[in-house]
Structures are given as structure tokens and as C-alpha cells.
Amino acid sequence: MKLVVNGVEHTLDVDGETPLLWVIRDRLRLTGTKYGCGEALCGACTVHLDGHAVRSCVTPVARAEGRRVTTIEGLSPDGTHPLQLAWERHGVPQCGYCQAGQLMNAAALLDEVGAPTEEQVDRAMAGNLCRCGTYLRIRAAILDAGKGR
């Protein structure tokens, strides 16, 4: 199976039903994408598949074949994506566990909408859980990053 992850093509011998998350973490050693619940309920495992946010814990790797997969490592090689900068300005991270999934979901929203409203942010981010409860800072950072679009 051939996968393009963060712009790099990989040829892998894996069962097509293997969750994309485990291929990303265990086979490609890209550990920024986190395992949270295994049921697509928390958003910690969010990656992009052709620019759309998907939960990699329930996405069979076969679904990614021939498509572009982007993980948190591929969002910005130098950490200067507008969302990453806004995350810092607003002091979003606490424990950090959910942050990769939050950022990837938010990036897909900004790519789709540009400058979202509070309601659009709340709707789009509703499936991403933060155990530390930084939801207001997450919303503020997304709105901030969207201003420049």
C-alpha cells in the first residue's frame, strides 16, 4: 500500500483495515497524533485526509491510499502556522494531550471557512474534547487565526 503522509510517499505492507492512527504512530513513527478513545469521540487522533479532518482511530488505512494525509507534524514544519502562533498568544495548551487534534480540526475549519464566526467554531470543534477545559482559549485562538484570512 502506498501512502503520502506530510508530502512523503511511503510503501507499507499493512492490512487495509488497520486504523490509520496505528500506521501513523507505529509504522511511520509520527507520534504527534494521539490515541484518546478509539471510538472517534474525543478528537485527539484528528488528521487531514485530502484537507478534511478525519478521526484516524476509526479510519481504515485503505481509505487513505492514494490520498494526501497530513498529521500535526506536517501542519507547519517550523511551527509558524497561524493557528500554532495563535495557540501560543492565547496560552491554549495546558497538559497538551488534545492539542494536535484540536489544531488539526481547527486548521480544516479555517481552510474551509476562512474567518469563522464563534458559532461556526463551536459547531466545528464540538467533537474535540479537552480534559483541561481550555475551550474559551481554543475558541479565541481560532477566531484570532481566522482574522488574517
Protein backbone atom coordinates (compact mmCIF):
# COMPACT_ATOMS: atom_id res chain seq x y z
CA MET A 1 0.00 0.00 0.00
CA LYS A 2 1.26 3.49 -0.84
CA LEU A 3 0.52 6.41 1.44
CA VAL A 4 1.53 10.04 1.10
CA VAL A 5 1.93 11.43 4.60
CA ASN A 6 3.06 15.01 5.07
CA GLY A 7 4.17 15.05 1.44
CA VAL A 8 6.37 11.95 1.74
CA GLU A 9 5.40 8.76 -0.07
CA HIS A 10 5.60 5.54 1.95
CA THR A 11 5.18 1.97 0.76
CA LEU A 12 3.81 -0.19 3.55
CA ASP A 13 2.83 -3.80 3.98
CA VAL A 14 -0.20 -3.45 6.26
CA ASP A 15 -3.70 -4.84 6.48
CA GLY A 16 -6.07 -2.32 4.87
CA GLU A 17 -8.39 -2.49 7.88
CA THR A 18 -5.68 -1.31 10.29
CA PRO A 19 -6.66 2.05 11.74
CA LEU A 20 -4.73 4.88 10.12
CA LEU A 21 -3.72 6.07 13.60
CA TRP A 22 -1.63 2.98 14.27
CA VAL A 23 0.07 3.16 10.88
CA ILE A 24 0.95 6.81 11.52
CA ARG A 25 2.22 6.21 15.06
CA ASP A 26 3.67 2.70 14.97
CA ARG A 27 4.86 2.26 11.40
CA LEU A 28 5.79 5.83 10.44
CA ARG A 29 6.82 6.89 13.97
CA LEU A 30 4.89 10.17 13.76
CA THR A 31 3.76 10.31 17.37
CA GLY A 32 2.17 13.78 17.45
CA THR A 33 -1.21 12.27 16.60
CA LYS A 34 -2.61 10.87 19.84
CA TYR A 35 -4.81 7.94 20.80
CA GLY A 36 -7.64 9.10 23.02
CA CYS A 37 -10.71 6.90 22.92
CA GLY A 38 -10.54 4.64 19.87
CA GLU A 39 -14.16 5.44 19.01
CA ALA A 40 -13.92 8.82 17.22
CA LEU A 41 -15.47 10.59 20.20
CA CYS A 42 -12.64 12.75 21.55
CA GLY A 43 -10.79 14.12 18.51
CA ALA A 44 -7.25 13.54 19.83
CA CYS A 45 -6.42 11.47 16.73
CA THR A 46 -7.60 14.02 14.15
CA VAL A 47 -5.58 14.23 10.93
CA HIS A 48 -6.37 15.57 7.47
CA LEU A 49 -7.30 13.34 4.57
CA ASP A 50 -7.16 15.45 1.41
CA GLY A 51 -7.59 18.52 3.62
CA HIS A 52 -10.61 17.25 5.54
CA ALA A 53 -10.48 16.44 9.25
CA VAL A 54 -10.92 12.72 9.99
CA ARG A 55 -10.59 10.63 13.13
CA SER A 56 -7.66 8.36 12.38
CA CYS A 57 -8.55 5.89 15.13
CA VAL A 58 -11.54 4.66 13.11
CA THR A 59 -10.31 5.37 9.58
CA PRO A 60 -9.04 2.21 7.87
CA VAL A 61 -5.65 2.83 6.29
CA ALA A 62 -7.05 1.56 2.97
CA ARG A 63 -9.24 4.67 2.85
CA ALA A 64 -6.08 6.81 2.81
CA GLU A 65 -4.38 5.02 -0.05
CA GLY A 66 -3.77 7.38 -2.96
CA ARG A 67 -4.83 10.41 -0.90
CA ARG A 68 -2.93 13.10 0.99
CA VAL A 69 -2.61 12.54 4.74
CA THR A 70 -1.43 15.43 6.91
CA THR A 71 -0.56 14.99 10.57
CA ILE A 72 0.32 17.64 13.14
CA GLU A 73 3.97 17.21 12.10
CA GLY A 74 3.01 18.28 8.58
CA LEU A 75 0.83 21.25 9.55
CA SER A 76 3.89 23.50 9.65
CA PRO A 77 7.48 22.23 9.68
CA ASP A 78 8.65 25.25 11.68
CA GLY A 79 5.62 25.81 13.95
CA THR A 80 4.54 29.02 12.26
CA HIS A 81 1.07 28.03 11.09
CA PRO A 82 -1.28 30.89 12.06
CA LEU A 83 -3.11 28.56 14.46
CA GLN A 84 0.09 27.48 16.19
CA LEU A 85 1.06 31.13 16.68
CA ALA A 86 -2.43 31.99 17.95
CA TRP A 87 -2.28 28.97 20.30
CA GLU A 88 0.86 30.49 21.85
CA ARG A 89 -0.56 34.02 22.03
CA HIS A 90 -3.67 32.79 23.83
CA GLY A 91 -1.87 30.33 26.12
CA VAL A 92 -4.08 27.47 25.00
CA PRO A 93 -2.07 24.37 25.98
CA GLN A 94 -2.07 23.02 29.48
CA CYS A 95 -1.42 19.28 29.51
CA GLY A 96 -1.18 19.36 25.69
CA TYR A 97 -2.61 15.91 25.06
CA CYS A 98 -5.53 17.06 22.91
CA GLN A 99 -3.69 19.87 21.17
CA ALA A 100 -2.67 18.08 17.97
CA GLY A 101 -6.25 17.01 17.32
CA GLN A 102 -7.60 20.44 18.25
CA LEU A 103 -5.16 22.15 15.88
CA MET A 104 -5.84 19.76 13.01
CA ASN A 105 -9.61 20.14 13.35
CA ALA A 106 -9.28 23.92 13.59
CA ALA A 107 -6.98 24.05 10.54
CA ALA A 108 -9.54 22.17 8.47
CA LEU A 109 -12.20 24.65 9.62
CA LEU A 110 -10.08 27.65 8.64
CA ASP A 111 -9.26 26.09 5.28
CA GLU A 112 -12.96 25.57 4.64
CA VAL A 113 -14.44 28.78 6.07
CA GLY A 114 -11.60 31.28 6.31
CA ALA A 115 -12.74 33.58 9.08
CA PRO A 116 -15.34 31.64 11.08
CA THR A 117 -17.90 33.04 13.49
CA GLU A 118 -18.00 31.95 17.13
CA GLU A 119 -20.93 29.70 16.31
CA GLN A 120 -19.06 28.04 13.43
CA VAL A 121 -16.06 27.45 15.68
CA ASP A 122 -18.22 25.99 18.44
CA ARG A 123 -20.01 23.69 15.98
CA ALA A 124 -16.83 22.53 14.25
CA MET A 125 -14.90 21.96 17.47
CA ALA A 126 -17.70 20.30 19.46
CA GLY A 127 -16.25 16.83 18.85
CA ASN A 128 -12.81 17.68 20.23
CA LEU A 129 -12.53 17.19 23.96
CA CYS A 130 -10.09 19.00 26.23
CA ARG A 131 -9.66 17.47 29.66
CA CYS A 132 -8.16 20.73 30.94
CA GLY A 133 -11.18 22.76 29.82
CA THR A 134 -9.37 25.37 27.72
CA TYR A 135 -12.32 25.71 25.35
CA LEU A 136 -12.61 29.51 25.63
CA ARG A 137 -8.91 29.95 24.83
CA ILE A 138 -9.20 27.46 21.96
CA ARG A 139 -12.12 29.43 20.50
CA ALA A 140 -10.27 32.74 20.94
CA ALA A 141 -7.15 31.38 19.22
CA ILE A 142 -9.15 30.04 16.26
CA LEU A 143 -11.00 33.34 15.84
CA ASP A 144 -7.69 35.20 16.11
CA ALA A 145 -6.01 32.98 13.48
CA GLY A 146 -9.04 33.37 11.20
CA LYS A 147 -8.83 37.18 11.21
CA GLY A 148 -5.89 37.18 8.82
CA ARG A 149 -7.69 35.08 6.20
